[in-house]
N, C-alpha and C. Protein backbone atom coordinates (compact mmCIF):
# COMPACT_ATOMS: atom_id res chain seq x y z
N MET A 1 -2.69 -11.49 17.43
CA MET A 1 -1.95 -12.58 17.98
C MET A 1 -0.53 -12.53 17.41
N THR A 2 0.48 -12.62 18.26
CA THR A 2 1.87 -12.63 17.84
C THR A 2 2.46 -13.98 18.18
N THR A 3 3.11 -14.60 17.22
CA THR A 3 3.76 -15.88 17.41
C THR A 3 5.22 -15.73 17.03
N ASN A 4 6.14 -16.22 17.85
CA ASN A 4 7.54 -16.15 17.48
C ASN A 4 7.90 -17.43 16.74
N VAL A 5 8.50 -17.24 15.56
CA VAL A 5 8.90 -18.37 14.73
C VAL A 5 10.41 -18.52 14.84
N ARG A 6 10.89 -19.70 15.16
CA ARG A 6 12.33 -19.94 15.26
C ARG A 6 12.75 -20.85 14.12
N GLY A 7 13.94 -20.61 13.62
CA GLY A 7 14.44 -21.33 12.47
C GLY A 7 13.98 -20.64 11.21
N VAL A 8 14.50 -21.04 10.09
CA VAL A 8 14.11 -20.42 8.83
C VAL A 8 12.87 -21.14 8.33
N VAL A 9 11.79 -20.38 8.12
CA VAL A 9 10.53 -20.97 7.68
C VAL A 9 10.05 -20.27 6.43
N ARG A 10 9.17 -20.90 5.73
CA ARG A 10 8.56 -20.28 4.56
C ARG A 10 7.20 -19.75 4.99
N LEU A 11 7.01 -18.43 4.85
CA LEU A 11 5.78 -17.79 5.26
C LEU A 11 5.18 -17.10 4.04
N LEU A 12 4.02 -17.59 3.59
CA LEU A 12 3.33 -17.00 2.45
C LEU A 12 4.25 -16.85 1.24
N GLY A 13 5.10 -17.84 1.02
CA GLY A 13 5.95 -17.79 -0.15
C GLY A 13 7.25 -17.05 0.06
N TRP A 14 7.48 -16.50 1.25
CA TRP A 14 8.70 -15.74 1.53
C TRP A 14 9.49 -16.49 2.59
N TRP A 15 10.81 -16.54 2.45
CA TRP A 15 11.63 -17.17 3.48
C TRP A 15 11.88 -16.15 4.57
N VAL A 16 11.61 -16.56 5.80
CA VAL A 16 11.66 -15.65 6.93
C VAL A 16 12.65 -16.18 7.95
N GLY A 17 13.41 -15.32 8.45
CA GLY A 17 14.00 -15.63 9.57
C GLY A 17 15.13 -15.95 10.14
N PRO A 18 15.93 -16.13 11.07
CA PRO A 18 16.10 -17.15 12.07
C PRO A 18 15.13 -17.03 13.24
N SER A 19 14.70 -15.86 13.62
CA SER A 19 13.75 -15.70 14.71
C SER A 19 12.97 -14.41 14.45
N VAL A 20 11.67 -14.54 14.26
CA VAL A 20 10.89 -13.37 13.89
C VAL A 20 9.47 -13.49 14.42
N ASP A 21 8.87 -12.38 14.80
CA ASP A 21 7.48 -12.38 15.23
C ASP A 21 6.57 -12.35 14.03
N VAL A 22 5.57 -13.21 14.03
CA VAL A 22 4.56 -13.24 12.99
C VAL A 22 3.27 -12.72 13.61
N VAL A 23 2.71 -11.67 13.05
CA VAL A 23 1.52 -11.05 13.62
C VAL A 23 0.33 -11.34 12.73
N ARG A 24 -0.73 -11.85 13.34
CA ARG A 24 -1.97 -12.10 12.62
C ARG A 24 -3.01 -11.09 13.08
N CYS A 25 -3.83 -10.62 12.13
CA CYS A 25 -4.86 -9.66 12.48
C CYS A 25 -6.11 -10.42 12.94
N GLY A 26 -7.13 -9.67 13.31
CA GLY A 26 -8.37 -10.26 13.80
C GLY A 26 -9.06 -11.15 12.79
N CYS A 27 -8.85 -10.90 11.48
CA CYS A 27 -9.50 -11.73 10.47
C CYS A 27 -8.68 -12.99 10.17
N GLY A 28 -7.54 -13.16 10.86
CA GLY A 28 -6.75 -14.37 10.73
C GLY A 28 -5.61 -14.28 9.73
N ARG A 29 -5.58 -13.24 8.89
CA ARG A 29 -4.51 -13.10 7.91
C ARG A 29 -3.22 -12.69 8.61
N VAL A 30 -2.11 -13.12 8.03
CA VAL A 30 -0.83 -12.66 8.53
C VAL A 30 -0.73 -11.18 8.23
N ARG A 31 -0.53 -10.35 9.23
CA ARG A 31 -0.45 -8.90 9.05
C ARG A 31 0.98 -8.49 8.76
N GLY A 32 1.92 -9.22 9.28
CA GLY A 32 3.30 -8.86 9.03
C GLY A 32 4.23 -9.67 9.88
N VAL A 33 5.50 -9.40 9.70
CA VAL A 33 6.52 -10.07 10.46
C VAL A 33 7.47 -9.03 11.02
N GLY A 34 8.08 -9.36 12.13
CA GLY A 34 9.12 -8.50 12.66
C GLY A 34 8.62 -7.30 13.44
N ARG A 35 9.55 -6.41 13.74
CA ARG A 35 9.33 -5.25 14.58
C ARG A 35 8.22 -4.35 14.08
N LEU A 36 8.20 -4.03 12.78
CA LEU A 36 7.19 -3.11 12.26
C LEU A 36 5.78 -3.63 12.47
N ALA A 37 5.57 -4.91 12.23
CA ALA A 37 4.24 -5.47 12.40
C ALA A 37 3.83 -5.45 13.87
N THR A 38 4.77 -5.79 14.75
CA THR A 38 4.47 -5.82 16.18
C THR A 38 4.11 -4.42 16.67
N GLU A 39 4.85 -3.39 16.22
CA GLU A 39 4.57 -2.03 16.64
C GLU A 39 3.20 -1.56 16.16
N ARG A 40 2.77 -2.03 15.00
CA ARG A 40 1.49 -1.59 14.45
C ARG A 40 0.33 -2.38 15.02
N GLY A 41 0.62 -3.49 15.66
CA GLY A 41 -0.47 -4.29 16.21
C GLY A 41 -1.06 -5.20 15.15
N ALA A 42 -1.90 -6.10 15.58
CA ALA A 42 -2.45 -7.11 14.69
C ALA A 42 -3.75 -6.64 14.06
N ARG A 43 -3.72 -5.52 13.38
CA ARG A 43 -4.89 -5.01 12.67
C ARG A 43 -4.52 -4.93 11.20
N CYS A 44 -5.39 -5.42 10.36
CA CYS A 44 -5.07 -5.41 8.94
C CYS A 44 -5.81 -4.28 8.24
N TRP A 45 -5.49 -4.08 6.98
CA TRP A 45 -6.09 -3.00 6.21
C TRP A 45 -7.59 -3.19 6.08
N ARG A 46 -8.08 -4.43 6.08
CA ARG A 46 -9.53 -4.65 5.99
C ARG A 46 -10.24 -4.10 7.22
N GLU A 47 -9.63 -4.31 8.40
CA GLU A 47 -10.24 -3.84 9.64
C GLU A 47 -10.18 -2.33 9.77
N LEU A 48 -9.28 -1.69 9.04
CA LEU A 48 -9.07 -0.25 9.17
C LEU A 48 -9.72 0.52 8.03
N GLY A 49 -10.66 -0.06 7.35
CA GLY A 49 -11.39 0.69 6.35
C GLY A 49 -10.98 0.41 4.92
N GLY A 50 -10.14 -0.60 4.68
CA GLY A 50 -9.86 -1.00 3.31
C GLY A 50 -8.62 -0.42 2.68
N MET A 51 -7.93 0.52 3.30
CA MET A 51 -6.71 1.05 2.71
C MET A 51 -5.51 0.46 3.43
N ALA A 52 -4.40 0.33 2.72
CA ALA A 52 -3.18 -0.12 3.35
C ALA A 52 -2.87 0.81 4.51
N GLY A 53 -2.61 0.24 5.68
CA GLY A 53 -2.35 1.06 6.85
C GLY A 53 -3.58 1.76 7.36
N GLY A 54 -4.73 1.52 6.73
CA GLY A 54 -5.97 2.09 7.18
C GLY A 54 -6.07 3.59 6.97
N GLY A 55 -5.12 4.17 6.23
CA GLY A 55 -5.15 5.60 6.03
C GLY A 55 -4.91 6.34 7.33
N ARG A 56 -4.29 5.69 8.30
CA ARG A 56 -4.12 6.27 9.63
C ARG A 56 -2.74 6.90 9.82
N GLY A 57 -2.11 7.32 8.74
CA GLY A 57 -0.86 8.05 8.87
C GLY A 57 0.37 7.18 9.02
N ILE A 58 0.30 5.90 8.68
CA ILE A 58 1.50 5.09 8.71
C ILE A 58 2.40 5.60 7.60
N VAL A 59 3.58 6.02 7.96
CA VAL A 59 4.48 6.65 7.01
C VAL A 59 5.76 5.85 6.95
N GLY A 60 6.33 5.75 5.77
CA GLY A 60 7.57 5.02 5.59
C GLY A 60 8.73 5.72 6.28
N VAL A 61 9.85 5.00 6.36
CA VAL A 61 11.04 5.49 7.04
C VAL A 61 11.68 6.64 6.28
N MET A 62 11.71 6.58 4.95
CA MET A 62 12.32 7.61 4.14
C MET A 62 11.31 8.13 3.13
N SER A 63 11.49 9.35 2.71
CA SER A 63 10.59 9.95 1.75
C SER A 63 11.04 9.63 0.33
N VAL A 64 10.12 9.15 -0.47
CA VAL A 64 10.37 8.88 -1.88
C VAL A 64 9.80 10.06 -2.66
N GLU A 65 10.60 10.64 -3.55
CA GLU A 65 10.11 11.74 -4.37
C GLU A 65 9.52 11.18 -5.66
N LEU A 66 8.22 11.40 -5.87
CA LEU A 66 7.56 10.93 -7.08
C LEU A 66 7.54 12.08 -8.09
N ILE A 67 7.93 11.78 -9.33
CA ILE A 67 8.11 12.80 -10.36
C ILE A 67 6.99 12.71 -11.39
N ARG A 68 6.35 13.84 -11.64
CA ARG A 68 5.39 13.96 -12.74
C ARG A 68 6.08 14.76 -13.83
N ALA A 69 6.11 14.24 -15.03
CA ALA A 69 6.80 14.90 -16.15
C ALA A 69 5.81 15.81 -16.88
N SER A 70 6.09 17.09 -16.89
CA SER A 70 5.16 18.06 -17.49
C SER A 70 4.97 17.84 -18.99
N GLY A 71 5.93 17.23 -19.66
CA GLY A 71 5.81 16.98 -21.09
C GLY A 71 5.03 15.72 -21.43
N LEU A 72 4.56 14.99 -20.40
CA LEU A 72 3.79 13.76 -20.61
C LEU A 72 2.39 13.94 -20.03
N THR A 73 1.46 13.14 -20.50
CA THR A 73 0.08 13.26 -20.04
C THR A 73 -0.04 13.09 -18.53
N ASP A 74 -0.96 13.84 -17.93
CA ASP A 74 -1.22 13.69 -16.50
C ASP A 74 -2.45 12.82 -16.25
N ALA A 75 -2.93 12.16 -17.29
CA ALA A 75 -4.13 11.32 -17.19
C ALA A 75 -3.82 9.91 -16.69
N VAL A 76 -2.55 9.60 -16.43
CA VAL A 76 -2.20 8.26 -15.96
C VAL A 76 -2.21 8.21 -14.44
N PRO A 77 -2.57 7.05 -13.85
CA PRO A 77 -2.67 6.95 -12.40
C PRO A 77 -1.37 6.56 -11.71
N TYR A 78 -0.25 7.12 -12.13
CA TYR A 78 1.04 6.83 -11.52
C TYR A 78 2.02 7.94 -11.87
N ALA A 79 3.08 8.05 -11.07
CA ALA A 79 4.16 8.97 -11.36
C ALA A 79 5.02 8.37 -12.47
N TYR A 80 5.73 9.22 -13.20
CA TYR A 80 6.58 8.73 -14.28
C TYR A 80 7.96 8.30 -13.81
N ALA A 81 8.39 8.80 -12.68
CA ALA A 81 9.72 8.46 -12.16
C ALA A 81 9.69 8.65 -10.65
N SER A 82 10.70 8.12 -9.99
CA SER A 82 10.87 8.34 -8.56
C SER A 82 12.34 8.56 -8.27
N VAL A 83 12.61 9.34 -7.23
CA VAL A 83 13.98 9.64 -6.83
C VAL A 83 14.18 9.14 -5.41
N VAL A 84 15.28 8.42 -5.22
CA VAL A 84 15.62 7.83 -3.93
C VAL A 84 16.61 8.75 -3.23
N PRO A 85 16.40 9.04 -1.94
CA PRO A 85 17.33 9.90 -1.21
C PRO A 85 18.74 9.30 -1.14
N ALA A 86 19.73 10.18 -1.09
CA ALA A 86 21.12 9.73 -0.94
C ALA A 86 21.26 8.93 0.35
N GLY A 87 22.03 7.88 0.32
CA GLY A 87 22.27 7.06 1.50
C GLY A 87 21.15 6.08 1.82
N ALA A 88 20.18 5.97 0.96
CA ALA A 88 19.05 5.07 1.20
C ALA A 88 19.46 3.61 1.01
N ARG A 89 18.74 2.75 1.67
CA ARG A 89 18.92 1.30 1.53
C ARG A 89 17.82 0.81 0.58
N LEU A 90 18.20 0.20 -0.54
CA LEU A 90 17.21 -0.31 -1.49
C LEU A 90 16.76 -1.70 -1.10
N VAL A 91 15.46 -1.93 -1.24
CA VAL A 91 14.86 -3.24 -0.97
C VAL A 91 14.25 -3.71 -2.29
N HIS A 92 14.69 -4.85 -2.78
CA HIS A 92 14.13 -5.46 -4.00
C HIS A 92 13.37 -6.70 -3.57
N THR A 93 12.07 -6.75 -3.85
CA THR A 93 11.31 -7.94 -3.49
C THR A 93 11.31 -8.93 -4.64
N ALA A 94 11.12 -10.17 -4.30
CA ALA A 94 10.80 -11.17 -5.31
C ALA A 94 9.37 -10.91 -5.75
N GLY A 95 8.95 -11.51 -6.82
CA GLY A 95 7.56 -11.36 -7.23
C GLY A 95 6.63 -11.96 -6.18
N ALA A 96 5.71 -11.14 -5.67
CA ALA A 96 4.72 -11.64 -4.71
C ALA A 96 3.67 -12.42 -5.48
N CYS A 97 3.36 -13.59 -5.00
CA CYS A 97 2.45 -14.50 -5.69
C CYS A 97 1.16 -14.67 -4.87
N PRO A 98 0.09 -15.14 -5.50
CA PRO A 98 -1.18 -15.33 -4.79
C PRO A 98 -1.23 -16.66 -4.03
N ILE A 99 -0.26 -16.82 -3.13
CA ILE A 99 -0.11 -18.06 -2.38
C ILE A 99 -0.54 -17.80 -0.94
N ASP A 100 -1.35 -18.70 -0.37
CA ASP A 100 -1.78 -18.53 1.02
C ASP A 100 -0.80 -19.20 1.97
N GLU A 101 -1.12 -19.17 3.25
CA GLU A 101 -0.21 -19.72 4.27
C GLU A 101 -0.07 -21.24 4.18
N HIS A 102 -0.87 -21.90 3.34
CA HIS A 102 -0.78 -23.35 3.14
C HIS A 102 -0.11 -23.68 1.81
N ASP A 103 0.57 -22.70 1.21
CA ASP A 103 1.29 -22.86 -0.07
C ASP A 103 0.35 -23.21 -1.23
N ARG A 104 -0.89 -22.69 -1.18
CA ARG A 104 -1.84 -22.93 -2.26
C ARG A 104 -2.13 -21.64 -3.00
N VAL A 105 -2.28 -21.74 -4.32
CA VAL A 105 -2.73 -20.59 -5.11
C VAL A 105 -4.19 -20.34 -4.75
N VAL A 106 -4.52 -19.11 -4.41
CA VAL A 106 -5.88 -18.76 -4.02
C VAL A 106 -6.64 -18.16 -5.20
N ALA A 107 -7.94 -18.09 -5.06
CA ALA A 107 -8.81 -17.41 -6.02
C ALA A 107 -8.55 -17.84 -7.46
N LEU A 108 -8.56 -19.14 -7.69
CA LEU A 108 -8.32 -19.65 -9.04
C LEU A 108 -9.32 -19.05 -10.03
N GLY A 109 -8.81 -18.51 -11.12
CA GLY A 109 -9.64 -17.92 -12.15
C GLY A 109 -10.12 -16.50 -11.85
N ASP A 110 -9.75 -15.95 -10.69
CA ASP A 110 -10.22 -14.63 -10.25
C ASP A 110 -9.04 -13.67 -10.17
N VAL A 111 -8.86 -12.85 -11.19
CA VAL A 111 -7.72 -11.93 -11.26
C VAL A 111 -7.71 -10.98 -10.07
N ALA A 112 -8.83 -10.35 -9.76
CA ALA A 112 -8.88 -9.40 -8.65
C ALA A 112 -8.62 -10.10 -7.31
N GLY A 113 -9.17 -11.28 -7.11
CA GLY A 113 -8.94 -12.03 -5.88
C GLY A 113 -7.48 -12.38 -5.70
N GLN A 114 -6.84 -12.81 -6.79
CA GLN A 114 -5.41 -13.11 -6.71
C GLN A 114 -4.60 -11.84 -6.45
N ALA A 115 -4.99 -10.73 -7.06
CA ALA A 115 -4.27 -9.47 -6.85
C ALA A 115 -4.33 -9.05 -5.38
N ARG A 116 -5.46 -9.26 -4.73
CA ARG A 116 -5.58 -8.93 -3.31
C ARG A 116 -4.60 -9.75 -2.47
N GLN A 117 -4.51 -11.06 -2.73
CA GLN A 117 -3.57 -11.91 -1.99
C GLN A 117 -2.13 -11.52 -2.29
N VAL A 118 -1.86 -11.21 -3.55
CA VAL A 118 -0.52 -10.77 -3.95
C VAL A 118 -0.11 -9.53 -3.15
N MET A 119 -1.02 -8.57 -3.03
CA MET A 119 -0.70 -7.35 -2.30
C MET A 119 -0.54 -7.61 -0.81
N ASP A 120 -1.34 -8.53 -0.25
CA ASP A 120 -1.15 -8.93 1.15
C ASP A 120 0.27 -9.47 1.33
N ASN A 121 0.68 -10.36 0.43
CA ASN A 121 2.00 -10.98 0.52
C ASN A 121 3.12 -9.98 0.27
N LEU A 122 2.91 -9.04 -0.64
CA LEU A 122 3.91 -8.01 -0.90
C LEU A 122 4.13 -7.16 0.36
N GLU A 123 3.05 -6.80 1.04
CA GLU A 123 3.19 -6.02 2.27
C GLU A 123 3.98 -6.79 3.33
N VAL A 124 3.75 -8.10 3.45
CA VAL A 124 4.49 -8.92 4.42
C VAL A 124 5.98 -8.92 4.06
N ALA A 125 6.31 -9.09 2.80
CA ALA A 125 7.71 -9.10 2.37
C ALA A 125 8.38 -7.76 2.64
N LEU A 126 7.69 -6.68 2.32
CA LEU A 126 8.24 -5.34 2.56
C LEU A 126 8.46 -5.12 4.06
N GLN A 127 7.50 -5.51 4.88
CA GLN A 127 7.63 -5.34 6.33
C GLN A 127 8.81 -6.13 6.88
N ALA A 128 9.02 -7.33 6.34
CA ALA A 128 10.16 -8.15 6.79
C ALA A 128 11.48 -7.45 6.50
N ALA A 129 11.50 -6.57 5.48
CA ALA A 129 12.71 -5.82 5.12
C ALA A 129 12.71 -4.42 5.74
N GLY A 130 11.72 -4.12 6.59
CA GLY A 130 11.66 -2.82 7.24
C GLY A 130 11.04 -1.73 6.40
N ALA A 131 10.22 -2.09 5.42
CA ALA A 131 9.60 -1.11 4.52
C ALA A 131 8.08 -1.27 4.54
N VAL A 132 7.40 -0.24 4.03
CA VAL A 132 5.95 -0.25 3.86
C VAL A 132 5.64 0.21 2.44
N LEU A 133 4.38 0.14 2.05
CA LEU A 133 4.01 0.50 0.67
C LEU A 133 4.43 1.91 0.29
N THR A 134 4.40 2.84 1.22
CA THR A 134 4.79 4.22 0.89
C THR A 134 6.29 4.37 0.69
N ASP A 135 7.07 3.32 0.95
CA ASP A 135 8.50 3.33 0.67
C ASP A 135 8.81 2.81 -0.73
N VAL A 136 7.82 2.31 -1.43
CA VAL A 136 8.03 1.71 -2.76
C VAL A 136 8.33 2.80 -3.78
N VAL A 137 9.37 2.54 -4.58
CA VAL A 137 9.75 3.49 -5.63
C VAL A 137 9.37 2.99 -7.02
N ARG A 138 9.05 1.70 -7.15
CA ARG A 138 8.69 1.15 -8.45
C ARG A 138 8.09 -0.23 -8.29
N THR A 139 7.09 -0.55 -9.13
CA THR A 139 6.53 -1.90 -9.16
C THR A 139 6.42 -2.39 -10.60
N THR A 140 6.36 -3.69 -10.72
CA THR A 140 6.00 -4.33 -11.98
C THR A 140 4.86 -5.28 -11.67
N VAL A 141 3.77 -5.16 -12.42
CA VAL A 141 2.58 -5.99 -12.23
C VAL A 141 2.46 -6.91 -13.44
N TYR A 142 2.48 -8.21 -13.20
CA TYR A 142 2.38 -9.21 -14.26
C TYR A 142 1.00 -9.87 -14.18
N VAL A 143 0.33 -9.98 -15.32
CA VAL A 143 -0.98 -10.64 -15.37
C VAL A 143 -0.93 -11.65 -16.51
N ALA A 144 -1.21 -12.91 -16.19
CA ALA A 144 -1.19 -13.97 -17.19
C ALA A 144 -2.49 -13.95 -17.98
N SER A 145 -2.55 -13.06 -18.97
CA SER A 145 -3.76 -12.92 -19.78
C SER A 145 -3.46 -12.09 -21.01
N THR A 146 -4.22 -12.34 -22.05
CA THR A 146 -4.16 -11.48 -23.24
C THR A 146 -5.35 -10.54 -23.29
N ASP A 147 -6.21 -10.60 -22.28
CA ASP A 147 -7.39 -9.76 -22.20
C ASP A 147 -7.08 -8.50 -21.39
N GLN A 148 -7.17 -7.34 -22.02
CA GLN A 148 -6.85 -6.10 -21.34
C GLN A 148 -7.72 -5.87 -20.10
N ALA A 149 -8.95 -6.36 -20.11
CA ALA A 149 -9.83 -6.22 -18.94
C ALA A 149 -9.23 -6.92 -17.72
N ASP A 150 -8.54 -8.03 -17.91
CA ASP A 150 -7.87 -8.72 -16.79
C ASP A 150 -6.73 -7.87 -16.24
N LEU A 151 -5.97 -7.25 -17.13
CA LEU A 151 -4.89 -6.38 -16.69
C LEU A 151 -5.44 -5.21 -15.87
N VAL A 152 -6.53 -4.63 -16.35
CA VAL A 152 -7.15 -3.51 -15.64
C VAL A 152 -7.69 -3.97 -14.28
N ALA A 153 -8.27 -5.15 -14.21
CA ALA A 153 -8.79 -5.67 -12.94
C ALA A 153 -7.67 -5.81 -11.91
N ALA A 154 -6.54 -6.36 -12.33
CA ALA A 154 -5.39 -6.49 -11.41
C ALA A 154 -4.86 -5.11 -11.03
N TRP A 155 -4.72 -4.24 -12.02
CA TRP A 155 -4.20 -2.90 -11.77
C TRP A 155 -5.07 -2.14 -10.77
N ASN A 156 -6.38 -2.25 -10.88
CA ASN A 156 -7.28 -1.54 -9.97
C ASN A 156 -7.06 -1.95 -8.52
N VAL A 157 -6.81 -3.22 -8.29
CA VAL A 157 -6.54 -3.70 -6.93
C VAL A 157 -5.20 -3.17 -6.42
N VAL A 158 -4.18 -3.29 -7.26
CA VAL A 158 -2.84 -2.82 -6.88
C VAL A 158 -2.87 -1.33 -6.60
N ARG A 159 -3.44 -0.58 -7.50
CA ARG A 159 -3.48 0.88 -7.39
C ARG A 159 -4.25 1.33 -6.13
N ALA A 160 -5.36 0.66 -5.85
CA ALA A 160 -6.14 1.00 -4.66
C ALA A 160 -5.34 0.74 -3.38
N ARG A 161 -4.57 -0.32 -3.35
CA ARG A 161 -3.81 -0.65 -2.15
C ARG A 161 -2.73 0.40 -1.87
N PHE A 162 -2.17 0.99 -2.92
CA PHE A 162 -1.15 2.01 -2.73
C PHE A 162 -1.74 3.36 -2.35
N GLY A 163 -3.03 3.56 -2.50
CA GLY A 163 -3.65 4.82 -2.12
C GLY A 163 -3.06 5.99 -2.88
N ASP A 164 -2.71 7.05 -2.16
CA ASP A 164 -2.16 8.25 -2.78
C ASP A 164 -0.71 8.10 -3.22
N HIS A 165 -0.05 7.03 -2.81
CA HIS A 165 1.35 6.80 -3.18
C HIS A 165 1.39 6.10 -4.55
N ASP A 166 1.44 6.90 -5.60
CA ASP A 166 1.34 6.36 -6.97
C ASP A 166 2.70 6.20 -7.62
N ALA A 167 3.52 5.35 -7.04
CA ALA A 167 4.87 5.09 -7.55
C ALA A 167 4.82 4.61 -9.00
N PRO A 168 5.89 4.87 -9.76
CA PRO A 168 5.94 4.37 -11.13
C PRO A 168 5.72 2.86 -11.17
N SER A 169 5.04 2.41 -12.21
CA SER A 169 4.73 0.99 -12.33
C SER A 169 4.63 0.60 -13.79
N THR A 170 4.94 -0.65 -14.05
CA THR A 170 4.74 -1.22 -15.38
C THR A 170 3.74 -2.35 -15.24
N LEU A 171 2.73 -2.36 -16.10
CA LEU A 171 1.69 -3.39 -16.12
C LEU A 171 1.88 -4.21 -17.38
N LEU A 172 2.07 -5.52 -17.22
CA LEU A 172 2.36 -6.40 -18.35
C LEU A 172 1.40 -7.57 -18.44
N GLY A 173 0.97 -7.89 -19.63
CA GLY A 173 0.27 -9.14 -19.89
C GLY A 173 1.33 -10.15 -20.32
N VAL A 174 1.34 -11.30 -19.68
CA VAL A 174 2.34 -12.33 -19.97
C VAL A 174 1.64 -13.65 -20.30
N THR A 175 2.38 -14.57 -20.86
CA THR A 175 1.81 -15.85 -21.25
C THR A 175 1.48 -16.74 -20.07
N VAL A 176 2.43 -16.88 -19.16
CA VAL A 176 2.25 -17.79 -18.03
C VAL A 176 3.11 -17.30 -16.87
N LEU A 177 2.67 -17.61 -15.64
CA LEU A 177 3.45 -17.31 -14.44
C LEU A 177 3.84 -18.62 -13.76
N GLY A 178 4.62 -18.55 -12.70
CA GLY A 178 5.30 -19.71 -12.14
C GLY A 178 4.47 -20.81 -11.52
N TYR A 179 3.33 -20.51 -10.93
CA TYR A 179 2.52 -21.54 -10.27
C TYR A 179 1.32 -21.90 -11.14
N ARG A 180 0.91 -23.16 -11.09
CA ARG A 180 -0.27 -23.60 -11.82
C ARG A 180 -1.48 -22.81 -11.34
N GLY A 181 -2.18 -22.16 -12.24
CA GLY A 181 -3.35 -21.38 -11.89
C GLY A 181 -3.06 -19.94 -11.49
N GLN A 182 -1.79 -19.56 -11.43
CA GLN A 182 -1.42 -18.20 -11.04
C GLN A 182 -1.71 -17.23 -12.17
N LEU A 183 -2.39 -16.13 -11.84
CA LEU A 183 -2.73 -15.12 -12.82
C LEU A 183 -2.04 -13.78 -12.57
N VAL A 184 -1.59 -13.52 -11.34
CA VAL A 184 -1.06 -12.20 -10.98
C VAL A 184 0.23 -12.35 -10.17
N GLU A 185 1.16 -11.42 -10.40
CA GLU A 185 2.39 -11.34 -9.62
C GLU A 185 2.83 -9.88 -9.61
N VAL A 186 3.36 -9.42 -8.49
CA VAL A 186 3.85 -8.04 -8.38
C VAL A 186 5.20 -8.05 -7.68
N ASP A 187 6.18 -7.39 -8.30
CA ASP A 187 7.44 -7.17 -7.59
C ASP A 187 7.62 -5.68 -7.37
N ALA A 188 8.48 -5.34 -6.41
CA ALA A 188 8.64 -3.95 -6.04
C ALA A 188 10.08 -3.64 -5.66
N VAL A 189 10.42 -2.37 -5.80
CA VAL A 189 11.66 -1.83 -5.26
C VAL A 189 11.25 -0.76 -4.28
N ALA A 190 11.80 -0.82 -3.07
CA ALA A 190 11.48 0.15 -2.03
C ALA A 190 12.76 0.72 -1.48
N VAL A 191 12.63 1.74 -0.64
CA VAL A 191 13.78 2.39 -0.03
C VAL A 191 13.55 2.56 1.46
N THR A 192 14.58 2.26 2.25
CA THR A 192 14.55 2.48 3.69
C THR A 192 15.90 3.06 4.09
N LYS A 193 16.03 3.43 5.35
CA LYS A 193 17.32 3.93 5.86
C LYS A 193 18.27 2.79 6.03
């Protein structure tokens, strides 16, 4: 279902607009906004087998070069650096929060549940800027916990959503995040033409 939104509105914690198409998938979640979402249709990653883009070859506008440093361990699940092509347009997202379309924090007390909503919202923000997850050159993952198991739980969700695109990332345990009950937040830098 595609709905055209007129005026500046707040969508899943992101300000959208003067006029933009909002696409919802079959499960009711907002799949994206704008041209990219409309071209991809209203199918979400859940309907396509659980991977972002469904693993169906959705490719970003520009290629990000991910760097593995031979002098550092290869046992980590991310690249150590990324290189942005000359002439690229950088996209910096705000921290994506576990907020639903009704401005409520979801999955209270559930780190993995909040991480899933955060990644849904991050994809919407990237799409609004003309980018997809494979355009991301760096992320920062914040988890409001002193328990390393909570950090790992959030990281596993984030890492799974990126699939084979293992952009450099920093995972941090922090004291508190901006919304009452919020446990996870992710910001990203991406590149488009």
